[in-house]
């Protein structure tokens, strides 16, 4: 029983570390870019709420974000779609 407890501790530690990495490597650069491009954007004004929503999203979608976190090309593709979505731009 104790080994199961230890395994869950390792999984929880890696999961939390992955969420922190996603916040640090994906959200913060994106919000800084939006802040430079559109300083009066609603996302910039409510950045704490946007960050909280991103963290909740990362908690549930972390297995899919691992590839994005580990590969720089995938990270650029993610940010190329995420930043315009934050700014409210639509692709037509």
PDB file of N, CA and C in Angstrom:
ATOM      1  N   UNK A   1       0.825  -1.196   0.000  1.00  0.00           N
ATOM      2  CA  UNK A   1       0.000   0.000   0.000  1.00  0.00           C
ATOM      3  C   UNK A   1       0.866   1.255   0.000  1.00  0.00           C
ATOM      4  N   UNK A   2       1.977   1.182   0.698  1.00  0.00           N
ATOM      5  CA  UNK A   2       2.849   2.354   0.774  1.00  0.00           C
ATOM      6  C   UNK A   2       3.482   2.680  -0.568  1.00  0.00           C
ATOM      7  N   UNK A   3       3.771   1.648  -1.379  1.00  0.00           N
ATOM      8  CA  UNK A   3       4.367   1.917  -2.688  1.00  0.00           C
ATOM      9  C   UNK A   3       3.379   2.631  -3.605  1.00  0.00           C
ATOM     10  N   UNK A   4       2.090   2.337  -3.483  1.00  0.00           N
ATOM     11  CA  UNK A   4       1.076   3.043  -4.271  1.00  0.00           C
ATOM     12  C   UNK A   4       1.033   4.505  -3.867  1.00  0.00           C
ATOM     13  N   UNK A   5       1.116   4.761  -2.597  1.00  0.00           N
ATOM     14  CA  UNK A   5       1.129   6.138  -2.098  1.00  0.00           C
ATOM     15  C   UNK A   5       2.325   6.896  -2.657  1.00  0.00           C
ATOM     16  N   UNK A   6       3.473   6.238  -2.707  1.00  0.00           N
ATOM     17  CA  UNK A   6       4.689   6.857  -3.231  1.00  0.00           C
ATOM     18  C   UNK A   6       4.558   7.136  -4.732  1.00  0.00           C
ATOM     19  N   UNK A   7       3.961   6.214  -5.479  1.00  0.00           N
ATOM     20  CA  UNK A   7       3.775   6.416  -6.920  1.00  0.00           C
ATOM     21  C   UNK A   7       2.874   7.614  -7.171  1.00  0.00           C
ATOM     22  N   UNK A   8       1.787   7.729  -6.410  1.00  0.00           N
ATOM     23  CA  UNK A   8       0.898   8.872  -6.567  1.00  0.00           C
ATOM     24  C   UNK A   8       1.591  10.176  -6.213  1.00  0.00           C
ATOM     25  N   UNK A   9       2.484  10.146  -5.252  1.00  0.00           N
ATOM     26  CA  UNK A   9       3.253  11.349  -4.916  1.00  0.00           C
ATOM     27  C   UNK A   9       4.141  11.777  -6.075  1.00  0.00           C
ATOM     28  N   UNK A  10       4.785  10.814  -6.731  1.00  0.00           N
ATOM     29  CA  UNK A  10       5.626  11.136  -7.879  1.00  0.00           C
ATOM     30  C   UNK A  10       4.791  11.686  -9.037  1.00  0.00           C
ATOM     31  N   UNK A  11       3.655  11.051  -9.296  1.00  0.00           N
ATOM     32  CA  UNK A  11       2.786  11.522 -10.379  1.00  0.00           C
ATOM     33  C   UNK A  11       2.294  12.930 -10.083  1.00  0.00           C
ATOM     34  N   UNK A  12       1.876  13.183  -8.859  1.00  0.00           N
ATOM     35  CA  UNK A  12       1.398  14.510  -8.472  1.00  0.00           C
ATOM     36  C   UNK A  12       2.507  15.553  -8.595  1.00  0.00           C
ATOM     37  N   UNK A  13       3.719  15.195  -8.181  1.00  0.00           N
ATOM     38  CA  UNK A  13       4.840  16.133  -8.269  1.00  0.00           C
ATOM     39  C   UNK A  13       5.150  16.474  -9.728  1.00  0.00           C
ATOM     40  N   UNK A  14       5.170  15.469 -10.604  1.00  0.00           N
ATOM     41  CA  UNK A  14       5.430  15.732 -12.016  1.00  0.00           C
ATOM     42  C   UNK A  14       4.293  16.522 -12.649  1.00  0.00           C
ATOM     43  N   UNK A  15       3.053  16.250 -12.229  1.00  0.00           N
ATOM     44  CA  UNK A  15       1.904  16.967 -12.785  1.00  0.00           C
ATOM     45  C   UNK A  15       1.960  18.445 -12.410  1.00  0.00           C
ATOM     46  N   UNK A  16       2.237  18.720 -11.156  1.00  0.00           N
ATOM     47  CA  UNK A  16       2.344  20.113 -10.702  1.00  0.00           C
ATOM     48  C   UNK A  16       3.500  20.818 -11.398  1.00  0.00           C
ATOM     49  N   UNK A  17       4.629  20.126 -11.532  1.00  0.00           N
ATOM     50  CA  UNK A  17       5.773  20.709 -12.227  1.00  0.00           C
ATOM     51  C   UNK A  17       5.440  20.991 -13.694  1.00  0.00           C
ATOM     52  N   UNK A  18       4.673  20.128 -14.324  1.00  0.00           N
ATOM     53  CA  UNK A  18       4.276  20.350 -15.711  1.00  0.00           C
ATOM     54  C   UNK A  18       3.355  21.550 -15.860  1.00  0.00           C
ATOM     55  N   UNK A  19       2.441  21.731 -14.918  1.00  0.00           N
ATOM     56  CA  UNK A  19       1.546  22.884 -14.963  1.00  0.00           C
ATOM     57  C   UNK A  19       2.334  24.176 -14.770  1.00  0.00           C
ATOM     58  N   UNK A  20       3.279  24.155 -13.848  1.00  0.00           N
ATOM     59  CA  UNK A  20       4.126  25.335 -13.628  1.00  0.00           C
ATOM     60  C   UNK A  20       4.964  25.621 -14.872  1.00  0.00           C
ATOM     61  N   UNK A  21       5.488  24.575 -15.493  1.00  0.00           N
ATOM     62  CA  UNK A  21       6.255  24.766 -16.725  1.00  0.00           C
ATOM     63  C   UNK A  21       5.400  25.338 -17.842  1.00  0.00           C
ATOM     64  N   UNK A  22       4.167  24.861 -17.967  1.00  0.00           N
ATOM     65  CA  UNK A  22       3.262  25.377 -18.997  1.00  0.00           C
ATOM     66  C   UNK A  22       2.963  26.847 -18.747  1.00  0.00           C
ATOM     67  N   UNK A  23       2.748  27.209 -17.495  1.00  0.00           N
ATOM     68  CA  UNK A  23       2.481  28.604 -17.166  1.00  0.00           C
ATOM     69  C   UNK A  23       3.696  29.465 -17.485  1.00  0.00           C
ATOM     70  N   UNK A  24       4.860  28.991 -17.119  1.00  0.00           N
ATOM     71  CA  UNK A  24       6.095  29.752 -17.289  1.00  0.00           C
ATOM     72  C   UNK A  24       6.507  29.854 -18.753  1.00  0.00           C
ATOM     73  N   UNK A  25       6.375  28.776 -19.518  1.00  0.00           N
ATOM     74  CA  UNK A  25       6.883  28.760 -20.896  1.00  0.00           C
ATOM     75  C   UNK A  25       5.848  29.147 -21.949  1.00  0.00           C
ATOM     76  N   UNK A  26       4.565  29.019 -21.633  1.00  0.00           N
ATOM     77  CA  UNK A  26       3.545  29.319 -22.628  1.00  0.00           C
ATOM     78  C   UNK A  26       2.742  30.570 -22.292  1.00  0.00           C
ATOM     79  N   UNK A  27       2.218  30.647 -21.084  1.00  0.00           N
ATOM     80  CA  UNK A  27       1.331  31.755 -20.753  1.00  0.00           C
ATOM     81  C   UNK A  27       2.079  33.071 -20.574  1.00  0.00           C
ATOM     82  N   UNK A  28       3.140  33.074 -19.783  1.00  0.00           N
ATOM     83  CA  UNK A  28       3.838  34.331 -19.507  1.00  0.00           C
ATOM     84  C   UNK A  28       4.408  34.993 -20.763  1.00  0.00           C
ATOM     85  N   UNK A  29       5.095  34.263 -21.658  1.00  0.00           N
ATOM     86  CA  UNK A  29       5.539  34.933 -22.892  1.00  0.00           C
ATOM     87  C   UNK A  29       4.384  35.420 -23.752  1.00  0.00           C
ATOM     88  N   UNK A  30       3.287  34.668 -23.773  1.00  0.00           N
ATOM     89  CA  UNK A  30       2.131  35.079 -24.571  1.00  0.00           C
ATOM     90  C   UNK A  30       1.505  36.347 -24.027  1.00  0.00           C
ATOM     91  N   UNK A  31       1.325  36.431 -22.725  1.00  0.00           N
ATOM     92  CA  UNK A  31       0.693  37.617 -22.142  1.00  0.00           C
ATOM     93  C   UNK A  31       1.615  38.829 -22.260  1.00  0.00           C
ATOM     94  N   UNK A  32       2.926  38.619 -22.207  1.00  0.00           N
ATOM     95  CA  UNK A  32       3.857  39.735 -22.388  1.00  0.00           C
ATOM     96  C   UNK A  32       3.786  40.259 -23.823  1.00  0.00           C
ATOM     97  N   UNK A  33       3.638  39.353 -24.789  1.00  0.00           N
ATOM     98  CA  UNK A  33       3.509  39.760 -26.184  1.00  0.00           C
ATOM     99  C   UNK A  33       2.204  40.518 -26.419  1.00  0.00           C
ATOM    100  N   UNK A  34       1.125  40.036 -25.827  1.00  0.00           N
ATOM    101  CA  UNK A  34      -0.162  40.734 -25.964  1.00  0.00           C
ATOM    102  C   UNK A  34      -0.078  42.105 -25.297  1.00  0.00           C
ATOM    103  N   UNK A  35       0.606  42.179 -24.170  1.00  0.00           N
ATOM    104  CA  UNK A  35       0.757  43.456 -23.457  1.00  0.00           C
ATOM    105  C   UNK A  35       1.512  44.475 -24.317  1.00  0.00           C
ATOM    106  N   UNK A  36       2.503  44.019 -25.091  1.00  0.00           N
ATOM    107  CA  UNK A  36       3.247  44.930 -25.962  1.00  0.00           C
ATOM    108  C   UNK A  36       2.433  45.345 -27.180  1.00  0.00           C
ATOM    109  N   UNK A  37       1.665  44.399 -27.743  1.00  0.00           N
ATOM    110  CA  UNK A  37       0.918  44.687 -28.959  1.00  0.00           C
ATOM    111  C   UNK A  37      -0.370  45.466 -28.696  1.00  0.00           C
ATOM    112  N   UNK A  38      -1.072  45.100 -27.641  1.00  0.00           N
ATOM    113  CA  UNK A  38      -2.345  45.756 -27.312  1.00  0.00           C
ATOM    114  C   UNK A  38      -2.409  46.001 -25.799  1.00  0.00           C
ATOM    115  N   UNK A  39      -1.849  47.099 -25.327  1.00  0.00           N
ATOM    116  CA  UNK A  39      -1.802  47.323 -23.872  1.00  0.00           C
ATOM    117  C   UNK A  39      -3.170  47.532 -23.231  1.00  0.00           C
ATOM    118  N   UNK A  40      -4.189  47.904 -23.995  1.00  0.00           N
ATOM    119  CA  UNK A  40      -5.519  48.125 -23.428  1.00  0.00           C
ATOM    120  C   UNK A  40      -6.453  46.937 -23.629  1.00  0.00           C
ATOM    121  N   UNK A  41      -5.910  45.804 -23.996  1.00  0.00           N
ATOM    122  CA  UNK A  41      -6.710  44.614 -24.226  1.00  0.00           C
ATOM    123  C   UNK A  41      -7.321  44.134 -22.912  1.00  0.00           C
ATOM    124  N   UNK A  42      -8.515  43.556 -23.001  1.00  0.00           N
ATOM    125  CA  UNK A  42      -9.209  43.051 -21.829  1.00  0.00           C
ATOM    126  C   UNK A  42      -8.438  41.920 -21.146  1.00  0.00           C
ATOM    127  N   UNK A  43      -7.742  41.125 -21.942  1.00  0.00           N
ATOM    128  CA  UNK A  43      -6.936  40.024 -21.399  1.00  0.00           C
ATOM    129  C   UNK A  43      -5.795  40.565 -20.539  1.00  0.00           C
ATOM    130  N   UNK A  44      -5.217  41.681 -20.937  1.00  0.00           N
ATOM    131  CA  UNK A  44      -4.130  42.289 -20.166  1.00  0.00           C
ATOM    132  C   UNK A  44      -4.676  42.889 -18.878  1.00  0.00           C
ATOM    133  N   UNK A  45      -5.832  43.505 -18.953  1.00  0.00           N
ATOM    134  CA  UNK A  45      -6.422  44.105 -17.760  1.00  0.00           C
ATOM    135  C   UNK A  45      -6.834  43.047 -16.740  1.00  0.00           C
ATOM    136  N   UNK A  46      -7.268  41.901 -17.195  1.00  0.00           N
ATOM    137  CA  UNK A  46      -7.679  40.810 -16.315  1.00  0.00           C
ATOM    138  C   UNK A  46      -6.678  39.651 -16.399  1.00  0.00           C
ATOM    139  N   UNK A  47      -5.402  39.955 -16.395  1.00  0.00           N
ATOM    140  CA  UNK A  47      -4.383  38.918 -16.598  1.00  0.00           C
ATOM    141  C   UNK A  47      -4.372  37.884 -15.470  1.00  0.00           C
ATOM    142  N   UNK A  48      -4.745  38.277 -14.258  1.00  0.00           N
ATOM    143  CA  UNK A  48      -4.776  37.296 -13.164  1.00  0.00           C
ATOM    144  C   UNK A  48      -5.868  36.254 -13.410  1.00  0.00           C
ATOM    145  N   UNK A  49      -7.011  36.679 -13.946  1.00  0.00           N
ATOM    146  CA  UNK A  49      -8.091  35.737 -14.239  1.00  0.00           C
ATOM    147  C   UNK A  49      -7.731  34.868 -15.441  1.00  0.00           C
ATOM    148  N   UNK A  50      -7.111  35.461 -16.433  1.00  0.00           N
ATOM    149  CA  UNK A  50      -6.663  34.711 -17.598  1.00  0.00           C
ATOM    150  C   UNK A  50      -5.624  33.671 -17.196  1.00  0.00           C
ATOM    151  N   UNK A  51      -4.721  34.049 -16.290  1.00  0.00           N
ATOM    152  CA  UNK A  51      -3.721  33.108 -15.793  1.00  0.00           C
ATOM    153  C   UNK A  51      -4.352  31.951 -15.038  1.00  0.00           C
ATOM    154  N   UNK A  52      -5.351  32.239 -14.234  1.00  0.00           N
ATOM    155  CA  UNK A  52      -6.051  31.195 -13.487  1.00  0.00           C
ATOM    156  C   UNK A  52      -6.768  30.233 -14.437  1.00  0.00           C
ATOM    157  N   UNK A  53      -7.405  30.784 -15.455  1.00  0.00           N
ATOM    158  CA  UNK A  53      -8.072  29.933 -16.450  1.00  0.00           C
ATOM    159  C   UNK A  53      -7.050  29.084 -17.200  1.00  0.00           C
ATOM    160  N   UNK A  54      -5.896  29.665 -17.533  1.00  0.00           N
ATOM    161  CA  UNK A  54      -4.853  28.901 -18.217  1.00  0.00           C
ATOM    162  C   UNK A  54      -4.326  27.777 -17.330  1.00  0.00           C
ATOM    163  N   UNK A  55      -4.170  28.044 -16.044  1.00  0.00           N
ATOM    164  CA  UNK A  55      -3.696  27.005 -15.122  1.00  0.00           C
ATOM    165  C   UNK A  55      -4.712  25.873 -15.044  1.00  0.00           C
ATOM    166  N   UNK A  56      -5.987  26.201 -14.942  1.00  0.00           N
ATOM    167  CA  UNK A  56      -7.019  25.160 -14.911  1.00  0.00           C
ATOM    168  C   UNK A  56      -7.036  24.360 -16.209  1.00  0.00           C
ATOM    169  N   UNK A  57      -6.884  25.052 -17.335  1.00  0.00           N
ATOM    170  CA  UNK A  57      -6.790  24.375 -18.625  1.00  0.00           C
ATOM    171  C   UNK A  57      -5.575  23.443 -18.641  1.00  0.00           C
ATOM    172  N   UNK A  58      -4.462  23.902 -18.131  1.00  0.00           N
ATOM    173  CA  UNK A  58      -3.230  23.110 -18.130  1.00  0.00           C
ATOM    174  C   UNK A  58      -3.346  21.878 -17.244  1.00  0.00           C
ATOM    175  N   UNK A  59      -4.078  21.998 -16.143  1.00  0.00           N
ATOM    176  CA  UNK A  59      -4.240  20.849 -15.248  1.00  0.00           C
ATOM    177  C   UNK A  59      -4.922  19.701 -15.987  1.00  0.00           C
ATOM    178  N   UNK A  60      -5.958  20.021 -16.757  1.00  0.00           N
ATOM    179  CA  UNK A  60      -6.708  18.963 -17.425  1.00  0.00           C
ATOM    180  C   UNK A  60      -6.075  18.526 -18.743  1.00  0.00           C
ATOM    181  N   UNK A  61      -5.363  19.396 -19.403  1.00  0.00           N
ATOM    182  CA  UNK A  61      -4.811  19.086 -20.724  1.00  0.00           C
ATOM    183  C   UNK A  61      -3.307  18.850 -20.714  1.00  0.00           C
ATOM    184  N   UNK A  62      -2.724  18.670 -19.558  1.00  0.00           N
ATOM    185  CA  UNK A  62      -1.264  18.533 -19.482  1.00  0.00           C
ATOM    186  C   UNK A  62      -0.716  17.375 -20.312  1.00  0.00           C
ATOM    187  N   UNK A  63      -1.362  16.203 -20.354  1.00  0.00           N
ATOM    188  CA  UNK A  63      -0.783  15.140 -21.191  1.00  0.00           C
ATOM    189  C   UNK A  63      -0.646  15.540 -22.659  1.00  0.00           C
ATOM    190  N   UNK A  64      -1.533  16.410 -23.134  1.00  0.00           N
ATOM    191  CA  UNK A  64      -1.446  16.856 -24.521  1.00  0.00           C
ATOM    192  C   UNK A  64      -0.449  18.012 -24.688  1.00  0.00           C
ATOM    193  N   UNK A  65      -0.165  18.721 -23.613  1.00  0.00           N
ATOM    194  CA  UNK A  65       0.756  19.851 -23.675  1.00  0.00           C
ATOM    195  C   UNK A  65       2.217  19.449 -23.503  1.00  0.00           C
ATOM    196  N   UNK A  66       2.473  18.215 -23.128  1.00  0.00           N
ATOM    197  CA  UNK A  66       3.858  17.780 -22.900  1.00  0.00           C
ATOM    198  C   UNK A  66       4.687  17.941 -24.163  1.00  0.00           C
ATOM    199  N   UNK A  67       4.111  17.559 -25.302  1.00  0.00           N
ATOM    200  CA  UNK A  67       4.840  17.700 -26.570  1.00  0.00           C
ATOM    201  C   UNK A  67       5.134  19.166 -26.865  1.00  0.00           C
ATOM    202  N   UNK A  68       4.197  20.037 -26.563  1.00  0.00           N
ATOM    203  CA  UNK A  68       4.385  21.469 -26.794  1.00  0.00           C
ATOM    204  C   UNK A  68       5.473  22.014 -25.865  1.00  0.00           C
ATOM    205  N   UNK A  69       5.507  21.541 -24.641  1.00  0.00           N
ATOM    206  CA  UNK A  69       6.497  22.034 -23.675  1.00  0.00           C
ATOM    207  C   UNK A  69       7.912  21.583 -24.004  1.00  0.00           C
ATOM    208  N   UNK A  70       8.039  20.432 -24.624  1.00  0.00           N
ATOM    209  CA  UNK A  70       9.370  19.871 -24.865  1.00  0.00           C
ATOM    210  C   UNK A  70       9.957  20.210 -26.231  1.00  0.00           C
ATOM    211  N   UNK A  71       9.129  20.619 -27.179  1.00  0.00           N
ATOM    212  CA  UNK A  71       9.600  20.897 -28.533  1.00  0.00           C
ATOM    213  C   UNK A  71       9.397  22.380 -28.853  1.00  0.00           C
ATOM    214  N   UNK A  72      10.471  23.071 -29.206  1.00  0.00           N
ATOM    215  CA  UNK A  72      10.395  24.506 -29.462  1.00  0.00           C
ATOM    216  C   UNK A  72       9.546  24.837 -30.691  1.00  0.00           C
ATOM    217  N   UNK A  73       9.588  23.992 -31.721  1.00  0.00           N
ATOM    218  CA  UNK A  73       8.771  24.243 -32.911  1.00  0.00           C
ATOM    219  C   UNK A  73       7.282  24.153 -32.564  1.00  0.00           C
ATOM    220  N   UNK A  74       6.927  23.173 -31.762  1.00  0.00           N
ATOM    221  CA  UNK A  74       5.529  23.025 -31.334  1.00  0.00           C
ATOM    222  C   UNK A  74       5.110  24.184 -30.437  1.00  0.00           C
ATOM    223  N   UNK A  75       6.044  24.670 -29.642  1.00  0.00           N
ATOM    224  CA  UNK A  75       5.749  25.809 -28.766  1.00  0.00           C
ATOM    225  C   UNK A  75       5.449  27.062 -29.592  1.00  0.00           C
ATOM    226  N   UNK A  76       6.224  27.269 -30.662  1.00  0.00           N
ATOM    227  CA  UNK A  76       5.981  28.415 -31.535  1.00  0.00           C
ATOM    228  C   UNK A  76       4.644  28.285 -32.263  1.00  0.00           C
ATOM    229  N   UNK A  77       4.296  27.062 -32.692  1.00  0.00           N
ATOM    230  CA  UNK A  77       3.002  26.848 -33.337  1.00  0.00           C
ATOM    231  C   UNK A  77       1.857  27.107 -32.353  1.00  0.00           C
ATOM    232  N   UNK A  78       2.022  26.654 -31.120  1.00  0.00           N
ATOM    233  CA  UNK A  78       0.996  26.873 -30.098  1.00  0.00           C
ATOM    234  C   UNK A  78       0.808  28.360 -29.843  1.00  0.00           C
ATOM    235  N   UNK A  79       1.911  29.068 -29.687  1.00  0.00           N
ATOM    236  CA  UNK A  79       1.823  30.496 -29.403  1.00  0.00           C
ATOM    237  C   UNK A  79       1.298  31.270 -30.614  1.00  0.00           C
ATOM    238  N   UNK A  80       1.587  30.784 -31.825  1.00  0.00           N
ATOM    239  CA  UNK A  80       1.069  31.446 -33.027  1.00  0.00           C
ATOM    240  C   UNK A  80      -0.453  31.356 -33.096  1.00  0.00           C
ATOM    241  N   UNK A  81      -1.041  30.368 -32.478  1.00  0.00           N
ATOM    242  CA  UNK A  81      -2.487  30.270 -32.418  1.00  0.00           C
ATOM    243  C   UNK A  81      -3.068  30.861 -31.150  1.00  0.00           C
ATOM    244  N   UNK A  82      -2.307  30.789 -30.060  1.00  0.00           N
ATOM    245  CA  UNK A  82      -2.800  31.232 -28.756  1.00  0.00           C
ATOM    246  C   UNK A  82      -2.826  32.756 -28.632  1.00  0.00           C
ATOM    247  N   UNK A  83      -1.790  33.418 -29.098  1.00  0.00           N
ATOM    248  CA  UNK A  83      -1.704  34.881 -28.971  1.00  0.00           C
ATOM    249  C   UNK A  83      -2.807  35.584 -29.762  1.00  0.00           C
ATOM    250  N   UNK A  84      -3.044  35.224 -31.032  1.00  0.00           N
ATOM    251  CA  UNK A  84      -4.174  35.871 -31.721  1.00  0.00           C
ATOM    252  C   UNK A  84      -5.524  35.575 -31.053  1.00  0.00           C
ATOM    253  N   UNK A  85      -5.666  34.389 -30.489  1.00  0.00           N
ATOM    254  CA  UNK A  85      -6.908  34.069 -29.792  1.00  0.00           C
ATOM    255  C   UNK A  85      -7.060  34.945 -28.544  1.00  0.00           C
ATOM    256  N   UNK A  86      -5.957  35.199 -27.846  1.00  0.00           N
ATOM    257  CA  UNK A  86      -6.013  36.086 -26.685  1.00  0.00           C
ATOM    258  C   UNK A  86      -6.364  37.508 -27.091  1.00  0.00           C
ATOM    259  N   UNK A  87      -5.886  37.940 -28.243  1.00  0.00           N
ATOM    260  CA  UNK A  87      -6.148  39.303 -28.693  1.00  0.00           C
ATOM    261  C   UNK A  87      -7.513  39.444 -29.340  1.00  0.00           C
ATOM    262  N   UNK A  88      -8.215  38.340 -29.552  1.00  0.00           N
ATOM    263  CA  UNK A  88      -9.553  38.389 -30.115  1.00  0.00           C
ATOM    264  C   UNK A  88      -9.588  38.462 -31.616  1.00  0.00           C
ATOM    265  N   UNK A  89      -8.509  38.126 -32.273  1.00  0.00           N
ATOM    266  CA  UNK A  89      -8.475  38.135 -33.728  1.00  0.00           C
ATOM    267  C   UNK A  89      -9.042  36.831 -34.276  1.00  0.00           C
ATOM    268  N   UNK A  90      -9.784  36.928 -35.347  1.00  0.00           N
ATOM    269  CA  UNK A  90     -10.379  35.758 -35.967  1.00  0.00           C
ATOM    270  C   UNK A  90      -9.683  35.462 -37.284  1.00  0.00           C
ATOM    271  N   UNK A  91      -9.432  34.198 -37.529  1.00  0.00           N
ATOM    272  CA  UNK A  91      -8.851  33.774 -38.811  1.00  0.00           C
ATOM    273  C   UNK A  91      -9.990  33.495 -39.774  1.00  0.00           C
ATOM    274  N   UNK A  92     -10.009  34.205 -40.863  1.00  0.00           N
ATOM    275  CA  UNK A  92     -11.057  33.990 -41.873  1.00  0.00           C
ATOM    276  C   UNK A  92     -10.470  33.672 -43.207  1.00  0.00           C
TER     277      UNK A  92
END
